[in-house]
Amino acid sequence: MYKIGVIGDKDSILGFKALGMSVFPVTSALEAQETIDKIASMQYAVIYITEQFAKDIVSTIDKYKDQRFPAIIPFPAIRVLWVSA
């Protein structure tokens, strides 16, 4: 059975876990790139990735464009703004 994975900052991806998706929190573009390469070979048909990391690893995403799986789909990250009193 194929799986769905979500890569991004913890705040943006944690909610996807409640939907049964595998979440992979990362803190850098390099970590995101390594995670894509790792899970692409683990029967993940769809990988969602936050735009903040996707924009920095276009070459990694492009190498999967001509393959049937995984489909790599960027989505906007949640932006948390802290206001100090």
Protein backbone atom coordinates (compact mmCIF):
# COMPACT_ATOMS: atom_id res chain seq x y z
CA MET A 1 0.00 0.00 0.00
CA TYR A 2 1.28 3.45 -0.86
CA LYS A 3 1.77 6.09 1.80
CA ILE A 4 1.59 9.88 2.07
CA GLY A 5 4.37 11.85 3.74
CA VAL A 6 4.62 15.47 4.84
CA ILE A 7 7.93 17.33 5.22
CA GLY A 8 8.35 20.73 6.83
CA ASP A 9 8.67 22.65 10.05
CA LYS A 10 6.99 21.02 13.03
CA ASP A 11 4.26 23.64 13.46
CA SER A 12 3.16 23.37 9.83
CA ILE A 13 3.00 19.58 9.55
CA LEU A 14 1.92 18.21 12.92
CA GLY A 15 -1.81 18.39 12.08
CA PHE A 16 -1.34 16.05 9.11
CA LYS A 17 -0.49 13.25 11.53
CA ALA A 18 -4.12 13.29 12.75
CA LEU A 19 -5.15 12.49 9.16
CA GLY A 20 -2.99 9.36 9.12
CA MET A 21 -0.10 10.82 7.14
CA SER A 22 3.54 10.29 8.08
CA VAL A 23 5.18 13.52 9.19
CA PHE A 24 8.87 14.34 8.92
CA PRO A 25 9.84 17.52 10.78
CA VAL A 26 12.97 19.20 9.40
CA THR A 27 14.85 22.37 10.25
CA SER A 28 16.94 22.91 7.12
CA ALA A 29 16.76 22.52 3.35
CA LEU A 30 19.53 19.92 3.48
CA GLU A 31 17.54 17.87 5.97
CA ALA A 32 14.45 18.17 3.73
CA GLN A 33 16.46 17.01 0.71
CA GLU A 34 17.83 14.00 2.58
CA THR A 35 14.35 13.13 3.84
CA ILE A 36 12.84 13.24 0.33
CA ASP A 37 15.57 10.97 -1.01
CA LYS A 38 15.08 8.57 1.90
CA ILE A 39 11.29 8.27 1.82
CA ALA A 40 11.02 8.28 -1.99
CA SER A 41 12.29 4.70 -1.89
CA MET A 42 9.87 3.66 0.87
CA GLN A 43 6.59 3.41 -1.11
CA TYR A 44 5.50 7.01 -0.56
CA ALA A 45 3.25 7.93 -3.50
CA VAL A 46 2.74 11.54 -2.40
CA ILE A 47 5.11 13.80 -0.50
CA TYR A 48 3.89 17.20 0.62
CA ILE A 49 6.62 19.71 1.49
CA THR A 50 6.37 23.24 2.83
CA GLU A 51 7.22 25.94 0.30
CA GLN A 52 9.90 27.37 2.59
CA PHE A 53 12.00 24.23 2.05
CA ALA A 54 10.82 23.35 -1.47
CA LYS A 55 12.17 26.61 -2.90
CA ASP A 56 15.68 25.69 -1.75
CA ILE A 57 15.74 22.14 -3.13
CA VAL A 58 14.27 22.54 -6.60
CA SER A 59 16.91 20.27 -8.16
CA THR A 60 15.97 17.43 -5.81
CA ILE A 61 12.27 17.87 -6.54
CA ASP A 62 12.95 18.05 -10.29
CA LYS A 63 14.71 14.68 -10.34
CA TYR A 64 11.42 13.02 -9.33
CA LYS A 65 9.22 14.88 -11.87
CA ASP A 66 9.55 12.24 -14.58
CA GLN A 67 8.96 9.33 -12.22
CA ARG A 68 5.56 7.87 -11.50
CA PHE A 69 6.09 8.11 -7.74
CA PRO A 70 6.44 10.08 -5.58
CA ALA A 71 4.44 13.15 -6.53
CA ILE A 72 6.05 16.01 -4.60
CA ILE A 73 3.62 18.82 -3.82
CA PRO A 74 4.62 22.09 -2.11
CA PHE A 75 2.18 23.83 0.23
CA PRO A 76 2.36 27.06 2.25
CA ALA A 77 3.79 26.81 5.75
CA ILE A 78 2.02 28.13 8.81
CA ARG A 79 3.58 31.38 9.86
CA VAL A 80 3.51 31.88 13.59
CA LEU A 81 4.00 35.46 14.67
CA TRP A 82 4.92 36.12 18.26
CA VAL A 83 4.01 39.49 19.64
CA SER A 84 5.85 40.53 22.76
CA ALA A 85 3.93 42.57 25.30
